[in-house]
Amino acid sequence: MSFTIDKLALLLGMLLMLIGLWGGFTQRNLLKIILSFSIFDTGLNILIVALGYLPGRTAPILEGTVVTPENLVNVAIDPVPQALVLTAIVIGFGTTALMLAYALKLNQHKKSLDINQYTDLKW
């Protein structure tokens, strides 16, 4: 069994998503939970790009590529997954920054990053 780059990217994306999920569910430190979220987000981005990849095809905007309406489906790759991932990277960065700001304020207030110390809203 030979691994091509697209299969390896799919496997890497799924592995990173599993590591992120495991870290998010098992860790008690807020910074480790935020890091796990970032790892999951990165794995998801890799998975989306890998699913959008089609071997033997090229970007429709490269010079020297003859793309006509008749052969567009057979020659070009759909750029939508890549555009979605670029948007997701920006959103993920903003979400991570917001989570880190919340963690900083919580640490200043409770002097702890342990999630078990935050029981104020428990019934």
C-alpha atoms as a PDB file:
ATOM      1  CA  MET A   1       0.000   0.000   0.000  1.00  0.00           C
ATOM      2  CA  SER A   2       1.520   3.281  -1.056  1.00  0.00           C
ATOM      3  CA  PHE A   3       0.538   6.563   0.507  1.00  0.00           C
ATOM      4  CA  THR A   4       0.074   9.460  -1.828  1.00  0.00           C
ATOM      5  CA  ILE A   5       0.193  13.027  -0.574  1.00  0.00           C
ATOM      6  CA  ASP A   6      -3.600  13.361  -0.567  1.00  0.00           C
ATOM      7  CA  LYS A   7      -4.081  10.202   1.536  1.00  0.00           C
ATOM      8  CA  LEU A   8      -1.339  11.328   3.896  1.00  0.00           C
ATOM      9  CA  ALA A   9      -2.983  14.749   4.273  1.00  0.00           C
ATOM     10  CA  LEU A  10      -6.355  13.108   5.007  1.00  0.00           C
ATOM     11  CA  LEU A  11      -4.759  10.877   7.624  1.00  0.00           C
ATOM     12  CA  LEU A  12      -2.864  13.783   9.196  1.00  0.00           C
ATOM     13  CA  GLY A  13      -5.995  15.934   9.317  1.00  0.00           C
ATOM     14  CA  MET A  14      -8.027  13.195  10.993  1.00  0.00           C
ATOM     15  CA  LEU A  15      -5.222  12.452  13.448  1.00  0.00           C
ATOM     16  CA  LEU A  16      -4.922  16.114  14.449  1.00  0.00           C
ATOM     17  CA  MET A  17      -8.686  16.342  14.885  1.00  0.00           C
ATOM     18  CA  LEU A  18      -8.666  13.280  17.159  1.00  0.00           C
ATOM     19  CA  ILE A  19      -5.779  14.673  19.212  1.00  0.00           C
ATOM     20  CA  GLY A  20      -7.620  17.977  19.554  1.00  0.00           C
ATOM     21  CA  LEU A  21     -10.834  16.265  20.658  1.00  0.00           C
ATOM     22  CA  TRP A  22      -8.991  14.072  23.144  1.00  0.00           C
ATOM     23  CA  GLY A  23      -7.177  17.066  24.607  1.00  0.00           C
ATOM     24  CA  GLY A  24     -10.341  19.136  24.840  1.00  0.00           C
ATOM     25  CA  PHE A  25     -12.224  16.425  26.692  1.00  0.00           C
ATOM     26  CA  THR A  26      -9.482  15.186  29.020  1.00  0.00           C
ATOM     27  CA  GLN A  27      -7.546  18.290  30.050  1.00  0.00           C
ATOM     28  CA  ARG A  28      -8.467  20.493  33.010  1.00  0.00           C
ATOM     29  CA  ASN A  29      -6.083  23.381  32.330  1.00  0.00           C
ATOM     30  CA  LEU A  30      -7.696  26.188  30.313  1.00  0.00           C
ATOM     31  CA  LEU A  31      -4.566  26.827  28.245  1.00  0.00           C
ATOM     32  CA  LYS A  32      -4.349  23.143  27.290  1.00  0.00           C
ATOM     33  CA  ILE A  33      -8.021  23.174  26.293  1.00  0.00           C
ATOM     34  CA  ILE A  34      -7.442  26.249  24.105  1.00  0.00           C
ATOM     35  CA  LEU A  35      -4.382  24.580  22.549  1.00  0.00           C
ATOM     36  CA  SER A  36      -6.475  21.467  21.885  1.00  0.00           C
ATOM     37  CA  PHE A  37      -9.078  23.618  20.133  1.00  0.00           C
ATOM     38  CA  SER A  38      -6.357  25.096  17.911  1.00  0.00           C
ATOM     39  CA  ILE A  39      -5.011  21.631  17.068  1.00  0.00           C
ATOM     40  CA  PHE A  40      -8.525  20.460  16.160  1.00  0.00           C
ATOM     41  CA  ASP A  41      -9.029  23.570  14.013  1.00  0.00           C
ATOM     42  CA  THR A  42      -5.756  22.960  12.165  1.00  0.00           C
ATOM     43  CA  GLY A  43      -6.672  19.328  11.535  1.00  0.00           C
ATOM     44  CA  LEU A  44     -10.058  20.346  10.179  1.00  0.00           C
ATOM     45  CA  ASN A  45      -8.437  22.860   7.806  1.00  0.00           C
ATOM     46  CA  ILE A  46      -6.009  20.220   6.523  1.00  0.00           C
ATOM     47  CA  LEU A  47      -8.883  17.780   6.047  1.00  0.00           C
ATOM     48  CA  ILE A  48     -10.938  20.280   4.017  1.00  0.00           C
ATOM     49  CA  VAL A  49      -8.004  21.098   1.740  1.00  0.00           C
ATOM     50  CA  ALA A  50      -7.197  17.403   1.301  1.00  0.00           C
ATOM     51  CA  LEU A  51     -10.798  16.619   0.373  1.00  0.00           C
ATOM     52  CA  GLY A  52     -10.768  19.410  -2.215  1.00  0.00           C
ATOM     53  CA  TYR A  53      -7.593  18.085  -3.870  1.00  0.00           C
ATOM     54  CA  LEU A  54      -7.929  16.130  -7.104  1.00  0.00           C
ATOM     55  CA  PRO A  55      -4.767  14.496  -8.489  1.00  0.00           C
ATOM     56  CA  GLY A  56      -3.668  15.512 -11.953  1.00  0.00           C
ATOM     57  CA  ARG A  57      -5.579  18.789 -11.980  1.00  0.00           C
ATOM     58  CA  THR A  58      -4.382  22.360 -11.752  1.00  0.00           C
ATOM     59  CA  ALA A  59      -5.581  25.723 -10.505  1.00  0.00           C
ATOM     60  CA  PRO A  60      -7.770  27.479 -13.080  1.00  0.00           C
ATOM     61  CA  ILE A  61      -5.763  30.714 -12.863  1.00  0.00           C
ATOM     62  CA  LEU A  62      -2.249  29.466 -13.690  1.00  0.00           C
ATOM     63  CA  GLU A  63      -0.639  30.800 -16.849  1.00  0.00           C
ATOM     64  CA  GLY A  64      -0.025  28.236 -19.525  1.00  0.00           C
ATOM     65  CA  THR A  65      -3.070  26.228 -18.541  1.00  0.00           C
ATOM     66  CA  VAL A  66      -5.546  26.080 -21.377  1.00  0.00           C
ATOM     67  CA  VAL A  67      -8.939  26.046 -19.710  1.00  0.00           C
ATOM     68  CA  THR A  68     -11.930  26.214 -21.968  1.00  0.00           C
ATOM     69  CA  PRO A  69     -15.551  25.792 -20.894  1.00  0.00           C
ATOM     70  CA  GLU A  70     -15.494  22.301 -22.401  1.00  0.00           C
ATOM     71  CA  ASN A  71     -12.489  20.984 -20.439  1.00  0.00           C
ATOM     72  CA  LEU A  72     -12.925  23.039 -17.264  1.00  0.00           C
ATOM     73  CA  VAL A  73     -14.315  20.076 -15.339  1.00  0.00           C
ATOM     74  CA  ASN A  74     -11.474  17.777 -16.420  1.00  0.00           C
ATOM     75  CA  VAL A  75      -8.549  20.202 -15.910  1.00  0.00           C
ATOM     76  CA  ALA A  76      -9.291  22.618 -13.068  1.00  0.00           C
ATOM     77  CA  ILE A  77      -9.684  22.214  -9.316  1.00  0.00           C
ATOM     78  CA  ASP A  78     -12.529  23.934  -7.507  1.00  0.00           C
ATOM     79  CA  PRO A  79     -10.996  26.814  -5.478  1.00  0.00           C
ATOM     80  CA  VAL A  80     -13.914  27.030  -3.012  1.00  0.00           C
ATOM     81  CA  PRO A  81     -12.424  24.643  -0.370  1.00  0.00           C
ATOM     82  CA  GLN A  82      -9.213  26.666  -0.307  1.00  0.00           C
ATOM     83  CA  ALA A  83     -11.144  29.917   0.068  1.00  0.00           C
ATOM     84  CA  LEU A  84     -13.191  28.405   2.895  1.00  0.00           C
ATOM     85  CA  VAL A  85     -10.018  27.311   4.681  1.00  0.00           C
ATOM     86  CA  LEU A  86      -8.497  30.781   4.363  1.00  0.00           C
ATOM     87  CA  THR A  87     -11.621  32.220   5.951  1.00  0.00           C
ATOM     88  CA  ALA A  88     -11.595  29.514   8.637  1.00  0.00           C
ATOM     89  CA  ILE A  89      -7.974  30.311   9.519  1.00  0.00           C
ATOM     90  CA  VAL A  90      -8.838  33.950  10.166  1.00  0.00           C
ATOM     91  CA  ILE A  91     -11.922  33.035  12.196  1.00  0.00           C
ATOM     92  CA  GLY A  92      -9.947  30.421  14.155  1.00  0.00           C
ATOM     93  CA  PHE A  93      -7.246  32.965  14.961  1.00  0.00           C
ATOM     94  CA  GLY A  94      -9.818  35.445  16.247  1.00  0.00           C
ATOM     95  CA  THR A  95     -11.592  32.782  18.304  1.00  0.00           C
ATOM     96  CA  THR A  96      -8.311  31.614  19.827  1.00  0.00           C
ATOM     97  CA  ALA A  97      -7.355  35.185  20.702  1.00  0.00           C
ATOM     98  CA  LEU A  98     -10.731  35.697  22.376  1.00  0.00           C
ATOM     99  CA  MET A  99     -10.401  32.447  24.350  1.00  0.00           C
ATOM    100  CA  LEU A 100      -6.916  33.453  25.512  1.00  0.00           C
ATOM    101  CA  ALA A 101      -8.217  36.855  26.621  1.00  0.00           C
ATOM    102  CA  TYR A 102     -10.976  35.126  28.625  1.00  0.00           C
ATOM    103  CA  ALA A 103      -8.443  32.729  30.152  1.00  0.00           C
ATOM    104  CA  LEU A 104      -6.244  35.674  31.153  1.00  0.00           C
ATOM    105  CA  LYS A 105      -9.139  37.460  32.866  1.00  0.00           C
ATOM    106  CA  LEU A 106     -10.271  34.261  34.596  1.00  0.00           C
ATOM    107  CA  ASN A 107      -6.729  33.650  35.817  1.00  0.00           C
ATOM    108  CA  GLN A 108      -6.504  37.197  37.163  1.00  0.00           C
ATOM    109  CA  HIS A 109      -9.823  36.792  38.974  1.00  0.00           C
ATOM    110  CA  LYS A 110      -9.494  33.240  40.407  1.00  0.00           C
ATOM    111  CA  LYS A 111      -5.677  32.860  40.358  1.00  0.00           C
ATOM    112  CA  SER A 112      -6.075  29.444  38.728  1.00  0.00           C
ATOM    113  CA  LEU A 113      -6.329  27.950  35.263  1.00  0.00           C
ATOM    114  CA  ASP A 114      -7.899  24.704  36.543  1.00  0.00           C
ATOM    115  CA  ILE A 115     -11.395  24.387  35.113  1.00  0.00           C
ATOM    116  CA  ASN A 116     -12.617  22.615  38.267  1.00  0.00           C
ATOM    117  CA  GLN A 117     -12.091  25.840  40.246  1.00  0.00           C
ATOM    118  CA  TYR A 118     -14.835  27.628  38.304  1.00  0.00           C
ATOM    119  CA  THR A 119     -17.991  26.398  40.024  1.00  0.00           C
ATOM    120  CA  ASP A 120     -19.821  29.729  40.349  1.00  0.00           C
ATOM    121  CA  LEU A 121     -22.561  28.840  37.867  1.00  0.00           C
ATOM    122  CA  LYS A 122     -23.092  25.223  38.934  1.00  0.00           C
ATOM    123  CA  TRP A 123     -26.541  24.388  40.293  1.00  0.00           C
END
